């Protein structure tokens, strides 16, 4: 799990979500823009999940570090994770990065 430090607070999320948030923030900052995103997080009570709304990109520092706990599965990030993956692909142009042997495109986001 990763802990995201943002606006003087920290929240825990899955490893992949933490990485995506940092990458999205960096790509938005390169474009001199900021954007609101929804991030699945572990509830403050420690069990269950919640959603954090945060503005990332230009002028918004985001730091992801290891978080206590190792149960990424405790955070059901399926819908929001898909949204974050798609946004990253839009920003860095990697949605279609190559061809498989069958001739169809694949993305590299599953390799994060």
Foldseek 3Di string as FASTA:
>chain_A
DKWKDWPNDIFAAAPLLLVLQVLLLALQQVVVHKDKAKGWTQDPVRAAIDIDIDIGHHPIDMDIDDDPDHCNVRTPCVVRSVVSLVSSCVRPVQQFPDADPVGDTHGCSVVD
